Amino acid sequence: MVKVDRINISNEGLTKFFSPIEAQIMEVLWENDEMMTSEITKKTNIPLSSVAGTLDRLVKADFAKRKVDKNGQRIRYIYSATTTANNAANAITTRILDSLVDTFGAVAIENFSNYKKNK
């Protein structure tokens, strides 16, 4: 889950901010409107129990939402992302920038204005 103290900049892609399973699930949710746990399992090849537990954490962290679909006696949970990938990136970036400014103040701000990606 995106916690500033757990960010690992040496990881690739979204796993800098999410666990590998969380990243796979979020990518699937961002690509699809609504999905059931079983559908997410099929798309990710992650075991159903791991998907279910991870979805609970993503719902608690407000990256995903769950709605109940009652069809007769059967109850199904349908999941979707709470925001777009771009909005999530904006929120994550803001948290990281806030943390850097809190820690380094004016030096961080100066570095932001002079920033050019090293190749």
PDB file of N, CA and C in Angstrom:
ATOM      1  N   MET A   1       0.840  -1.172   0.000  1.00  0.00           N
ATOM      2  CA  MET A   1       0.000   0.000   0.000  1.00  0.00           C
ATOM      3  C   MET A   1       0.885   1.234   0.000  1.00  0.00           C
ATOM      4  N   VAL A   2       0.400   2.306  -0.518  1.00  0.00           N
ATOM      5  CA  VAL A   2       1.204   3.505  -0.639  1.00  0.00           C
ATOM      6  C   VAL A   2       1.364   4.156   0.731  1.00  0.00           C
ATOM      7  N   LYS A   3       2.496   3.864   1.329  1.00  0.00           N
ATOM      8  CA  LYS A   3       2.886   4.501   2.584  1.00  0.00           C
ATOM      9  C   LYS A   3       4.259   5.090   2.324  1.00  0.00           C
ATOM     10  N   VAL A   4       4.408   6.364   2.605  1.00  0.00           N
ATOM     11  CA  VAL A   4       5.646   7.055   2.279  1.00  0.00           C
ATOM     12  C   VAL A   4       6.847   6.329   2.877  1.00  0.00           C
ATOM     13  N   ASP A   5       6.699   5.769   4.076  1.00  0.00           N
ATOM     14  CA  ASP A   5       7.829   5.098   4.710  1.00  0.00           C
ATOM     15  C   ASP A   5       8.132   3.730   4.105  1.00  0.00           C
ATOM     16  N   ARG A   6       7.291   3.256   3.196  1.00  0.00           N
ATOM     17  CA  ARG A   6       7.524   1.951   2.558  1.00  0.00           C
ATOM     18  C   ARG A   6       7.838   2.065   1.069  1.00  0.00           C
ATOM     19  N   ILE A   7       7.986   3.250   0.562  1.00  0.00           N
ATOM     20  CA  ILE A   7       8.307   3.428  -0.851  1.00  0.00           C
ATOM     21  C   ILE A   7       9.717   2.910  -1.093  1.00  0.00           C
ATOM     22  N   ASN A   8       9.860   2.130  -2.154  1.00  0.00           N
ATOM     23  CA  ASN A   8      11.165   1.589  -2.502  1.00  0.00           C
ATOM     24  C   ASN A   8      11.481   2.011  -3.936  1.00  0.00           C
ATOM     25  N   ILE A   9      12.282   3.055  -4.071  1.00  0.00           N
ATOM     26  CA  ILE A   9      12.535   3.613  -5.398  1.00  0.00           C
ATOM     27  C   ILE A   9      13.370   2.694  -6.279  1.00  0.00           C
ATOM     28  N   SER A  10      13.962   1.649  -5.722  1.00  0.00           N
ATOM     29  CA  SER A  10      14.723   0.710  -6.550  1.00  0.00           C
ATOM     30  C   SER A  10      13.820  -0.316  -7.239  1.00  0.00           C
ATOM     31  N   ASN A  11      12.557  -0.421  -6.824  1.00  0.00           N
ATOM     32  CA  ASN A  11      11.615  -1.333  -7.483  1.00  0.00           C
ATOM     33  C   ASN A  11      11.189  -0.758  -8.823  1.00  0.00           C
ATOM     34  N   GLU A  12      10.598  -1.607  -9.639  1.00  0.00           N
ATOM     35  CA  GLU A  12      10.127  -1.196 -10.956  1.00  0.00           C
ATOM     36  C   GLU A  12       8.662  -0.765 -10.913  1.00  0.00           C
ATOM     37  N   GLY A  13       8.296   0.211 -11.726  1.00  0.00           N
ATOM     38  CA  GLY A  13       6.899   0.595 -11.926  1.00  0.00           C
ATOM     39  C   GLY A  13       6.127   0.852 -10.646  1.00  0.00           C
ATOM     40  N   LEU A  14       4.880   0.376 -10.640  1.00  0.00           N
ATOM     41  CA  LEU A  14       3.994   0.608  -9.498  1.00  0.00           C
ATOM     42  C   LEU A  14       4.455  -0.075  -8.220  1.00  0.00           C
ATOM     43  N   THR A  15       5.360  -1.074  -8.347  1.00  0.00           N
ATOM     44  CA  THR A  15       5.823  -1.758  -7.139  1.00  0.00           C
ATOM     45  C   THR A  15       6.742  -0.881  -6.291  1.00  0.00           C
ATOM     46  N   LYS A  16       7.038   0.312  -6.775  1.00  0.00           N
ATOM     47  CA  LYS A  16       7.702   1.304  -5.928  1.00  0.00           C
ATOM     48  C   LYS A  16       6.756   1.735  -4.801  1.00  0.00           C
ATOM     49  N   PHE A  17       5.442   1.683  -5.082  1.00  0.00           N
ATOM     50  CA  PHE A  17       4.439   2.240  -4.176  1.00  0.00           C
ATOM     51  C   PHE A  17       3.452   1.211  -3.645  1.00  0.00           C
ATOM     52  N   PHE A  18       3.229   0.148  -4.401  1.00  0.00           N
ATOM     53  CA  PHE A  18       2.302  -0.912  -4.032  1.00  0.00           C
ATOM     54  C   PHE A  18       3.074  -2.228  -3.954  1.00  0.00           C
ATOM     55  N   SER A  19       2.508  -3.202  -3.245  1.00  0.00           N
ATOM     56  CA  SER A  19       3.074  -4.548  -3.311  1.00  0.00           C
ATOM     57  C   SER A  19       2.860  -5.063  -4.735  1.00  0.00           C
ATOM     58  N   PRO A  20       3.600  -6.095  -5.154  1.00  0.00           N
ATOM     59  CA  PRO A  20       3.402  -6.625  -6.515  1.00  0.00           C
ATOM     60  C   PRO A  20       1.954  -7.058  -6.786  1.00  0.00           C
ATOM     61  N   ILE A  21       1.308  -7.681  -5.824  1.00  0.00           N
ATOM     62  CA  ILE A  21      -0.082  -8.113  -6.022  1.00  0.00           C
ATOM     63  C   ILE A  21      -1.008  -6.906  -6.102  1.00  0.00           C
ATOM     64  N   GLU A  22      -0.820  -5.930  -5.230  1.00  0.00           N
ATOM     65  CA  GLU A  22      -1.637  -4.712  -5.278  1.00  0.00           C
ATOM     66  C   GLU A  22      -1.488  -4.018  -6.626  1.00  0.00           C
ATOM     67  N   ALA A  23      -0.263  -3.940  -7.127  1.00  0.00           N
ATOM     68  CA  ALA A  23      -0.010  -3.278  -8.412  1.00  0.00           C
ATOM     69  C   ALA A  23      -0.740  -3.996  -9.543  1.00  0.00           C
ATOM     70  N   GLN A  24      -0.676  -5.327  -9.570  1.00  0.00           N
ATOM     71  CA  GLN A  24      -1.362  -6.076 -10.625  1.00  0.00           C
ATOM     72  C   GLN A  24      -2.871  -5.869 -10.552  1.00  0.00           C
ATOM     73  N   ILE A  25      -3.411  -5.910  -9.348  1.00  0.00           N
ATOM     74  CA  ILE A  25      -4.862  -5.739  -9.190  1.00  0.00           C
ATOM     75  C   ILE A  25      -5.278  -4.331  -9.590  1.00  0.00           C
ATOM     76  N   MET A  26      -4.522  -3.323  -9.178  1.00  0.00           N
ATOM     77  CA  MET A  26      -4.882  -1.947  -9.534  1.00  0.00           C
ATOM     78  C   MET A  26      -4.817  -1.745 -11.043  1.00  0.00           C
ATOM     79  N   GLU A  27      -3.825  -2.313 -11.701  1.00  0.00           N
ATOM     80  CA  GLU A  27      -3.742  -2.173 -13.158  1.00  0.00           C
ATOM     81  C   GLU A  27      -4.980  -2.774 -13.824  1.00  0.00           C
ATOM     82  N   VAL A  28      -5.426  -3.928 -13.337  1.00  0.00           N
ATOM     83  CA  VAL A  28      -6.625  -4.574 -13.894  1.00  0.00           C
ATOM     84  C   VAL A  28      -7.862  -3.726 -13.611  1.00  0.00           C
ATOM     85  N   LEU A  29      -7.966  -3.178 -12.407  1.00  0.00           N
ATOM     86  CA  LEU A  29      -9.129  -2.345 -12.074  1.00  0.00           C
ATOM     87  C   LEU A  29      -9.137  -1.060 -12.894  1.00  0.00           C
ATOM     88  N   TRP A  30      -7.981  -0.482 -13.144  1.00  0.00           N
ATOM     89  CA  TRP A  30      -7.918   0.739 -13.957  1.00  0.00           C
ATOM     90  C   TRP A  30      -8.290   0.462 -15.411  1.00  0.00           C
ATOM     91  N   GLU A  31      -8.028  -0.746 -15.886  1.00  0.00           N
ATOM     92  CA  GLU A  31      -8.342  -1.101 -17.272  1.00  0.00           C
ATOM     93  C   GLU A  31      -9.795  -1.522 -17.475  1.00  0.00           C
ATOM     94  N   ASN A  32     -10.502  -1.853 -16.401  1.00  0.00           N
ATOM     95  CA  ASN A  32     -11.869  -2.371 -16.480  1.00  0.00           C
ATOM     96  C   ASN A  32     -12.776  -1.573 -15.551  1.00  0.00           C
ATOM     97  N   ASP A  33     -14.023  -1.444 -15.914  1.00  0.00           N
ATOM     98  CA  ASP A  33     -14.948  -0.663 -15.088  1.00  0.00           C
ATOM     99  C   ASP A  33     -15.244  -1.348 -13.756  1.00  0.00           C
ATOM    100  N   GLU A  34     -15.790  -2.527 -13.825  1.00  0.00           N
ATOM    101  CA  GLU A  34     -16.164  -3.266 -12.622  1.00  0.00           C
ATOM    102  C   GLU A  34     -15.811  -4.728 -12.819  1.00  0.00           C
ATOM    103  N   MET A  35     -15.353  -5.353 -11.735  1.00  0.00           N
ATOM    104  CA  MET A  35     -14.961  -6.762 -11.844  1.00  0.00           C
ATOM    105  C   MET A  35     -15.260  -7.495 -10.546  1.00  0.00           C
ATOM    106  N   MET A  36     -15.551  -8.780 -10.690  1.00  0.00           N
ATOM    107  CA  MET A  36     -15.693  -9.641  -9.524  1.00  0.00           C
ATOM    108  C   MET A  36     -14.323 -10.238  -9.204  1.00  0.00           C
ATOM    109  N   THR A  37     -14.180 -10.729  -7.993  1.00  0.00           N
ATOM    110  CA  THR A  37     -12.916 -11.317  -7.556  1.00  0.00           C
ATOM    111  C   THR A  37     -12.455 -12.411  -8.508  1.00  0.00           C
ATOM    112  N   SER A  38     -13.377 -13.257  -8.926  1.00  0.00           N
ATOM    113  CA  SER A  38     -13.011 -14.363  -9.822  1.00  0.00           C
ATOM    114  C   SER A  38     -12.479 -13.845 -11.159  1.00  0.00           C
ATOM    115  N   GLU A  39     -13.023 -12.757 -11.655  1.00  0.00           N
ATOM    116  CA  GLU A  39     -12.544 -12.180 -12.914  1.00  0.00           C
ATOM    117  C   GLU A  39     -11.137 -11.605 -12.755  1.00  0.00           C
ATOM    118  N   ILE A  40     -10.894 -10.971 -11.616  1.00  0.00           N
ATOM    119  CA  ILE A  40      -9.559 -10.424 -11.343  1.00  0.00           C
ATOM    120  C   ILE A  40      -8.548 -11.568 -11.244  1.00  0.00           C
ATOM    121  N   THR A  41      -8.958 -12.655 -10.607  1.00  0.00           N
ATOM    122  CA  THR A  41      -8.096 -13.833 -10.492  1.00  0.00           C
ATOM    123  C   THR A  41      -7.722 -14.374 -11.865  1.00  0.00           C
ATOM    124  N   LYS A  42      -8.690 -14.459 -12.757  1.00  0.00           N
ATOM    125  CA  LYS A  42      -8.416 -14.959 -14.111  1.00  0.00           C
ATOM    126  C   LYS A  42      -7.461 -14.050 -14.869  1.00  0.00           C
ATOM    127  N   LYS A  43      -7.623 -12.744 -14.725  1.00  0.00           N
ATOM    128  CA  LYS A  43      -6.781 -11.797 -15.474  1.00  0.00           C
ATOM    129  C   LYS A  43      -5.354 -11.714 -14.924  1.00  0.00           C
ATOM    130  N   THR A  44      -5.201 -11.949 -13.621  1.00  0.00           N
ATOM    131  CA  THR A  44      -3.888 -11.778 -12.998  1.00  0.00           C
ATOM    132  C   THR A  44      -3.160 -13.089 -12.711  1.00  0.00           C
ATOM    133  N   ASN A  45      -3.891 -14.200 -12.721  1.00  0.00           N
ATOM    134  CA  ASN A  45      -3.329 -15.506 -12.320  1.00  0.00           C
ATOM    135  C   ASN A  45      -2.848 -15.504 -10.869  1.00  0.00           C
ATOM    136  N   ILE A  46      -3.432 -14.660 -10.058  1.00  0.00           N
ATOM    137  CA  ILE A  46      -3.150 -14.621  -8.625  1.00  0.00           C
ATOM    138  C   ILE A  46      -4.222 -15.475  -7.947  1.00  0.00           C
ATOM    139  N   PRO A  47      -3.849 -16.300  -6.954  1.00  0.00           N
ATOM    140  CA  PRO A  47      -4.856 -17.130  -6.273  1.00  0.00           C
ATOM    141  C   PRO A  47      -6.001 -16.293  -5.698  1.00  0.00           C
ATOM    142  N   LEU A  48      -7.190 -16.877  -5.750  1.00  0.00           N
ATOM    143  CA  LEU A  48      -8.408 -16.193  -5.305  1.00  0.00           C
ATOM    144  C   LEU A  48      -8.288 -15.659  -3.883  1.00  0.00           C
ATOM    145  N   SER A  49      -7.733 -16.446  -2.958  1.00  0.00           N
ATOM    146  CA  SER A  49      -7.622 -15.992  -1.567  1.00  0.00           C
ATOM    147  C   SER A  49      -6.705 -14.776  -1.446  1.00  0.00           C
ATOM    148  N   SER A  50      -5.639 -14.726  -2.243  1.00  0.00           N
ATOM    149  CA  SER A  50      -4.740 -13.564  -2.219  1.00  0.00           C
ATOM    150  C   SER A  50      -5.411 -12.340  -2.810  1.00  0.00           C
ATOM    151  N   VAL A  51      -6.174 -12.531  -3.888  1.00  0.00           N
ATOM    152  CA  VAL A  51      -6.896 -11.419  -4.506  1.00  0.00           C
ATOM    153  C   VAL A  51      -7.912 -10.857  -3.514  1.00  0.00           C
ATOM    154  N   ALA A  52      -8.669 -11.737  -2.857  1.00  0.00           N
ATOM    155  CA  ALA A  52      -9.701 -11.291  -1.913  1.00  0.00           C
ATOM    156  C   ALA A  52      -9.098 -10.495  -0.758  1.00  0.00           C
ATOM    157  N   GLY A  53      -8.021 -10.990  -0.174  1.00  0.00           N
ATOM    158  CA  GLY A  53      -7.377 -10.278   0.934  1.00  0.00           C
ATOM    159  C   GLY A  53      -6.791  -8.949   0.509  1.00  0.00           C
ATOM    160  N   THR A  54      -6.192  -8.939  -0.671  1.00  0.00           N
ATOM    161  CA  THR A  54      -5.595  -7.709  -1.181  1.00  0.00           C
ATOM    162  C   THR A  54      -6.668  -6.682  -1.519  1.00  0.00           C
ATOM    163  N   LEU A  55      -7.781  -7.133  -2.083  1.00  0.00           N
ATOM    164  CA  LEU A  55      -8.885  -6.212  -2.375  1.00  0.00           C
ATOM    165  C   LEU A  55      -9.414  -5.568  -1.094  1.00  0.00           C
ATOM    166  N   ASP A  56      -9.493  -6.335  -0.016  1.00  0.00           N
ATOM    167  CA  ASP A  56      -9.928  -5.763   1.262  1.00  0.00           C
ATOM    168  C   ASP A  56      -9.003  -4.620   1.677  1.00  0.00           C
ATOM    169  N   ARG A  57      -7.694  -4.826   1.548  1.00  0.00           N
ATOM    170  CA  ARG A  57      -6.731  -3.771   1.906  1.00  0.00           C
ATOM    171  C   ARG A  57      -6.865  -2.564   0.982  1.00  0.00           C
ATOM    172  N   LEU A  58      -7.049  -2.812  -0.315  1.00  0.00           N
ATOM    173  CA  LEU A  58      -7.195  -1.709  -1.262  1.00  0.00           C
ATOM    174  C   LEU A  58      -8.473  -0.915  -1.012  1.00  0.00           C
ATOM    175  N   VAL A  59      -9.540  -1.594  -0.591  1.00  0.00           N
ATOM    176  CA  VAL A  59     -10.785  -0.908  -0.238  1.00  0.00           C
ATOM    177  C   VAL A  59     -10.566  -0.046   1.001  1.00  0.00           C
ATOM    178  N   LYS A  60      -9.911  -0.598   2.023  1.00  0.00           N
ATOM    179  CA  LYS A  60      -9.641   0.159   3.256  1.00  0.00           C
ATOM    180  C   LYS A  60      -8.763   1.378   2.987  1.00  0.00           C
ATOM    181  N   ALA A  61      -7.850   1.247   2.024  1.00  0.00           N
ATOM    182  CA  ALA A  61      -6.952   2.357   1.681  1.00  0.00           C
ATOM    183  C   ALA A  61      -7.583   3.323   0.686  1.00  0.00           C
ATOM    184  N   ASP A  62      -8.807   3.037   0.253  1.00  0.00           N
ATOM    185  CA  ASP A  62      -9.574   3.880  -0.661  1.00  0.00           C
ATOM    186  C   ASP A  62      -9.003   3.950  -2.074  1.00  0.00           C
ATOM    187  N   PHE A  63      -8.313   2.900  -2.505  1.00  0.00           N
ATOM    188  CA  PHE A  63      -7.895   2.802  -3.897  1.00  0.00           C
ATOM    189  C   PHE A  63      -8.915   2.014  -4.704  1.00  0.00           C
ATOM    190  N   ALA A  64      -9.719   1.194  -4.018  1.00  0.00           N
ATOM    191  CA  ALA A  64     -10.761   0.404  -4.678  1.00  0.00           C
ATOM    192  C   ALA A  64     -12.046   0.537  -3.869  1.00  0.00           C
ATOM    193  N   LYS A  65     -13.166   0.275  -4.545  1.00  0.00           N
ATOM    194  CA  LYS A  65     -14.448   0.270  -3.841  1.00  0.00           C
ATOM    195  C   LYS A  65     -15.169  -1.033  -4.159  1.00  0.00           C
ATOM    196  N   ARG A  66     -16.029  -1.417  -3.235  1.00  0.00           N
ATOM    197  CA  ARG A  66     -16.749  -2.676  -3.342  1.00  0.00           C
ATOM    198  C   ARG A  66     -18.228  -2.384  -3.274  1.00  0.00           C
ATOM    199  N   LYS A  67     -18.966  -3.009  -4.182  1.00  0.00           N
ATOM    200  CA  LYS A  67     -20.415  -2.902  -4.089  1.00  0.00           C
ATOM    201  C   LYS A  67     -20.989  -4.309  -4.059  1.00  0.00           C
ATOM    202  N   VAL A  68     -22.114  -4.427  -3.380  1.00  0.00           N
ATOM    203  CA  VAL A  68     -22.769  -5.724  -3.217  1.00  0.00           C
ATOM    204  C   VAL A  68     -23.836  -5.863  -4.286  1.00  0.00           C
ATOM    205  N   ASP A  69     -23.820  -6.992  -4.967  1.00  0.00           N
ATOM    206  CA  ASP A  69     -24.814  -7.312  -5.977  1.00  0.00           C
ATOM    207  C   ASP A  69     -25.593  -8.519  -5.465  1.00  0.00           C
ATOM    208  N   LYS A  70     -26.846  -8.293  -5.105  1.00  0.00           N
ATOM    209  CA  LYS A  70     -27.692  -9.382  -4.600  1.00  0.00           C
ATOM    210  C   LYS A  70     -28.556  -9.875  -5.741  1.00  0.00           C
ATOM    211  N   ASN A  71     -28.341 -11.109  -6.100  1.00  0.00           N
ATOM    212  CA  ASN A  71     -29.086 -11.729  -7.178  1.00  0.00           C
ATOM    213  C   ASN A  71     -29.773 -12.966  -6.598  1.00  0.00           C
ATOM    214  N   GLY A  72     -30.991 -12.782  -6.143  1.00  0.00           N
ATOM    215  CA  GLY A  72     -31.703 -13.880  -5.485  1.00  0.00           C
ATOM    216  C   GLY A  72     -31.037 -14.191  -4.163  1.00  0.00           C
ATOM    217  N   GLN A  73     -30.670 -15.443  -3.961  1.00  0.00           N
ATOM    218  CA  GLN A  73     -29.999 -15.863  -2.728  1.00  0.00           C
ATOM    219  C   GLN A  73     -28.498 -15.617  -2.782  1.00  0.00           C
ATOM    220  N   ARG A  74     -28.010 -15.314  -3.958  1.00  0.00           N
ATOM    221  CA  ARG A  74     -26.580 -15.173  -4.160  1.00  0.00           C
ATOM    222  C   ARG A  74     -26.124 -13.726  -3.960  1.00  0.00           C
ATOM    223  N   ILE A  75     -25.024 -13.570  -3.261  1.00  0.00           N
ATOM    224  CA  ILE A  75     -24.431 -12.245  -3.060  1.00  0.00           C
ATOM    225  C   ILE A  75     -23.067 -12.248  -3.736  1.00  0.00           C
ATOM    226  N   ARG A  76     -22.845 -11.239  -4.565  1.00  0.00           N
ATOM    227  CA  ARG A  76     -21.555 -11.087  -5.239  1.00  0.00           C
ATOM    228  C   ARG A  76     -20.989  -9.717  -4.901  1.00  0.00           C
ATOM    229  N   TYR A  77     -19.678  -9.657  -4.802  1.00  0.00           N
ATOM    230  CA  TYR A  77     -19.004  -8.387  -4.589  1.00  0.00           C
ATOM    231  C   TYR A  77     -18.381  -7.951  -5.904  1.00  0.00           C
ATOM    232  N   ILE A  78     -18.636  -6.715  -6.249  1.00  0.00           N
ATOM    233  CA  ILE A  78     -18.105  -6.155  -7.488  1.00  0.00           C
ATOM    234  C   ILE A  78     -17.154  -5.013  -7.112  1.00  0.00           C
ATOM    235  N   TYR A  79     -15.963  -5.038  -7.688  1.00  0.00           N
ATOM    236  CA  TYR A  79     -14.915  -4.085  -7.343  1.00  0.00           C
ATOM    237  C   TYR A  79     -14.622  -3.156  -8.517  1.00  0.00           C
ATOM    238  N   SER A  80     -14.210  -1.961  -8.168  1.00  0.00           N
ATOM    239  CA  SER A  80     -13.760  -0.997  -9.159  1.00  0.00           C
ATOM    240  C   SER A  80     -12.748  -0.067  -8.498  1.00  0.00           C
ATOM    241  N   ALA A  81     -11.973   0.601  -9.306  1.00  0.00           N
ATOM    242  CA  ALA A  81     -11.017   1.581  -8.786  1.00  0.00           C
ATOM    243  C   ALA A  81     -11.796   2.821  -8.343  1.00  0.00           C
ATOM    244  N   THR A  82     -11.330   3.468  -7.302  1.00  0.00           N
ATOM    245  CA  THR A  82     -12.000   4.677  -6.821  1.00  0.00           C
ATOM    246  C   THR A  82     -11.611   5.901  -7.634  1.00  0.00           C
ATOM    247  N   THR A  83     -10.536   5.798  -8.381  1.00  0.00           N
ATOM    248  CA  THR A  83     -10.050   6.926  -9.159  1.00  0.00           C
ATOM    249  C   THR A  83      -9.280   6.398 -10.369  1.00  0.00           C
ATOM    250  N   THR A  84      -8.957   7.255 -11.270  1.00  0.00           N
ATOM    251  CA  THR A  84      -8.172   6.859 -12.440  1.00  0.00           C
ATOM    252  C   THR A  84      -6.708   6.655 -12.047  1.00  0.00           C
ATOM    253  N   ALA A  85      -5.964   6.025 -12.924  1.00  0.00           N
ATOM    254  CA  ALA A  85      -4.532   5.833 -12.689  1.00  0.00           C
ATOM    255  C   ALA A  85      -3.828   7.187 -12.579  1.00  0.00           C
ATOM    256  N   ASN A  86      -4.235   8.147 -13.413  1.00  0.00           N
ATOM    257  CA  ASN A  86      -3.617   9.480 -13.356  1.00  0.00           C
ATOM    258  C   ASN A  86      -3.912  10.200 -12.049  1.00  0.00           C
ATOM    259  N   ASN A  87      -5.145  10.086 -11.566  1.00  0.00           N
ATOM    260  CA  ASN A  87      -5.478  10.725 -10.284  1.00  0.00           C
ATOM    261  C   ASN A  87      -4.748  10.053  -9.129  1.00  0.00           C
ATOM    262  N   ALA A  88      -4.597   8.739  -9.191  1.00  0.00           N
ATOM    263  CA  ALA A  88      -3.837   8.030  -8.156  1.00  0.00           C
ATOM    264  C   ALA A  88      -2.376   8.474  -8.194  1.00  0.00           C
ATOM    265  N   ALA A  89      -1.819   8.600  -9.401  1.00  0.00           N
ATOM    266  CA  ALA A  89      -0.436   9.066  -9.548  1.00  0.00           C
ATOM    267  C   ALA A  89      -0.284  10.473  -8.969  1.00  0.00           C
ATOM    268  N   ASN A  90      -1.275  11.314  -9.193  1.00  0.00           N
ATOM    269  CA  ASN A  90      -1.238  12.675  -8.645  1.00  0.00           C
ATOM    270  C   ASN A  90      -1.239  12.643  -7.120  1.00  0.00           C
ATOM    271  N   ALA A  91      -2.087  11.819  -6.538  1.00  0.00           N
ATOM    272  CA  ALA A  91      -2.173  11.731  -5.073  1.00  0.00           C
ATOM    273  C   ALA A  91      -0.867  11.185  -4.486  1.00  0.00           C
ATOM    274  N   ILE A  92      -0.314  10.158  -5.112  1.00  0.00           N
ATOM    275  CA  ILE A  92       0.944   9.576  -4.633  1.00  0.00           C
ATOM    276  C   ILE A  92       2.070  10.597  -4.750  1.00  0.00           C
ATOM    277  N   THR A  93       2.146  11.263  -5.899  1.00  0.00           N
ATOM    278  CA  THR A  93       3.179  12.268  -6.111  1.00  0.00           C
ATOM    279  C   THR A  93       3.084  13.388  -5.086  1.00  0.00           C
ATOM    280  N   THR A  94       1.885  13.841  -4.809  1.00  0.00           N
ATOM    281  CA  THR A  94       1.688  14.914  -3.831  1.00  0.00           C
ATOM    282  C   THR A  94       2.173  14.487  -2.448  1.00  0.00           C
ATOM    283  N   ARG A  95       1.852  13.254  -2.047  1.00  0.00           N
ATOM    284  CA  ARG A  95       2.308  12.761  -0.738  1.00  0.00           C
ATOM    285  C   ARG A  95       3.829  12.717  -0.670  1.00  0.00           C
ATOM    286  N   ILE A  96       4.454  12.276  -1.747  1.00  0.00           N
ATOM    287  CA  ILE A  96       5.916  12.186  -1.768  1.00  0.00           C
ATOM    288  C   ILE A  96       6.534  13.575  -1.739  1.00  0.00           C
ATOM    289  N   LEU A  97       5.998  14.482  -2.554  1.00  0.00           N
ATOM    290  CA  LEU A  97       6.526  15.850  -2.575  1.00  0.00           C
ATOM    291  C   LEU A  97       6.342  16.533  -1.224  1.00  0.00           C
ATOM    292  N   ASP A  98       5.181  16.351  -0.599  1.00  0.00           N
ATOM    293  CA  ASP A  98       4.948  16.916   0.738  1.00  0.00           C
ATOM    294  C   ASP A  98       5.986  16.401   1.729  1.00  0.00           C
ATOM    295  N   SER A  99       6.269  15.111   1.658  1.00  0.00           N
ATOM    296  CA  SER A  99       7.254  14.516   2.557  1.00  0.00           C
ATOM    297  C   SER A  99       8.648  15.091   2.321  1.00  0.00           C
ATOM    298  N   LEU A 100       9.012  15.258   1.061  1.00  0.00           N
ATOM    299  CA  LEU A 100      10.322  15.830   0.740  1.00  0.00           C
ATOM    300  C   LEU A 100      10.433  17.279   1.215  1.00  0.00           C
ATOM    301  N   VAL A 101       9.384  18.055   1.004  1.00  0.00           N
ATOM    302  CA  VAL A 101       9.411  19.453   1.448  1.00  0.00           C
ATOM    303  C   VAL A 101       9.439  19.523   2.971  1.00  0.00           C
ATOM    304  N   ASP A 102       8.668  18.662   3.637  1.00  0.00           N
ATOM    305  CA  ASP A 102       8.692  18.633   5.105  1.00  0.00           C
ATOM    306  C   ASP A 102      10.094  18.328   5.633  1.00  0.00           C
ATOM    307  N   THR A 103      10.800  17.458   4.944  1.00  0.00           N
ATOM    308  CA  THR A 103      12.126  17.034   5.401  1.00  0.00           C
ATOM    309  C   THR A 103      13.228  17.993   4.977  1.00  0.00           C
ATOM    310  N   PHE A 104      13.183  18.455   3.724  1.00  0.00           N
ATOM    311  CA  PHE A 104      14.304  19.220   3.178  1.00  0.00           C
ATOM    312  C   PHE A 104      13.992  20.678   2.877  1.00  0.00           C
ATOM    313  N   GLY A 105      12.737  21.083   3.003  1.00  0.00           N
ATOM    314  CA  GLY A 105      12.341  22.476   2.839  1.00  0.00           C
ATOM    315  C   GLY A 105      12.742  23.093   1.511  1.00  0.00           C
ATOM    316  N   ALA A 106      13.417  24.248   1.601  1.00  0.00           N
ATOM    317  CA  ALA A 106      13.753  25.041   0.421  1.00  0.00           C
ATOM    318  C   ALA A 106      14.660  24.286  -0.549  1.00  0.00           C
ATOM    319  N   VAL A 107      15.507  23.411  -0.046  1.00  0.00           N
ATOM    320  CA  VAL A 107      16.400  22.646  -0.919  1.00  0.00           C
ATOM    321  C   VAL A 107      15.570  21.764  -1.855  1.00  0.00           C
ATOM    322  N   ALA A 108      14.542  21.135  -1.318  1.00  0.00           N
ATOM    323  CA  ALA A 108      13.673  20.289  -2.155  1.00  0.00           C
ATOM    324  C   ALA A 108      12.974  21.130  -3.221  1.00  0.00           C
ATOM    325  N   ILE A 109      12.439  22.258  -2.824  1.00  0.00           N
ATOM    326  CA  ILE A 109      11.731  23.127  -3.773  1.00  0.00           C
ATOM    327  C   ILE A 109      12.676  23.617  -4.865  1.00  0.00           C
ATOM    328  N   GLU A 110      13.887  23.985  -4.494  1.00  0.00           N
ATOM    329  CA  GLU A 110      14.872  24.421  -5.483  1.00  0.00           C
ATOM    330  C   GLU A 110      15.199  23.284  -6.453  1.00  0.00           C
ATOM    331  N   ASN A 111      15.339  22.086  -5.930  1.00  0.00           N
ATOM    332  CA  ASN A 111      15.627  20.939  -6.796  1.00  0.00           C
ATOM    333  C   ASN A 111      14.470  20.644  -7.740  1.00  0.00           C
ATOM    334  N   PHE A 112      13.242  20.847  -7.291  1.00  0.00           N
ATOM    335  CA  PHE A 112      12.086  20.623  -8.178  1.00  0.00           C
ATOM    336  C   PHE A 112      12.137  21.579  -9.365  1.00  0.00           C
ATOM    337  N   SER A 113      12.467  22.840  -9.091  1.00  0.00           N
ATOM    338  CA  SER A 113      12.479  23.818 -10.176  1.00  0.00           C
ATOM    339  C   SER A 113      13.645  23.606 -11.135  1.00  0.00           C
ATOM    340  N   ASN A 114      14.719  22.975 -10.681  1.00  0.00           N
ATOM    341  CA  ASN A 114      15.893  22.723 -11.526  1.00  0.00           C
ATOM    342  C   ASN A 114      15.908  21.299 -12.086  1.00  0.00           C
ATOM    343  N   TYR A 115      14.888  20.521 -11.809  1.00  0.00           N
ATOM    344  CA  TYR A 115      14.892  19.090 -12.138  1.00  0.00           C
ATOM    345  C   TYR A 115      14.929  18.816 -13.634  1.00  0.00           C
ATOM    346  N   LYS A 116      15.868  17.958 -14.004  1.00  0.00           N
ATOM    347  CA  LYS A 116      15.939  17.395 -15.350  1.00  0.00           C
ATOM    348  C   LYS A 116      16.303  15.936 -15.144  1.00  0.00           C
ATOM    349  N   LYS A 117      15.543  15.049 -15.743  1.00  0.00           N
ATOM    350  CA  LYS A 117      15.761  13.617 -15.545  1.00  0.00           C
ATOM    351  C   LYS A 117      17.136  13.221 -16.052  1.00  0.00           C
ATOM    352  N   ASN A 118      17.884  12.499 -15.190  1.00  0.00           N
ATOM    353  CA  ASN A 118      19.175  11.935 -15.602  1.00  0.00           C
ATOM    354  C   ASN A 118      18.915  10.751 -16.504  1.00  0.00           C
ATOM    355  N   LYS A 119      19.670  10.641 -17.549  1.00  0.00           N
ATOM    356  CA  LYS A 119      19.479   9.520 -18.487  1.00  0.00           C
ATOM    357  C   LYS A 119      20.505   8.461 -18.291  1.00  0.00           C
TER     358      LYS A 119
END
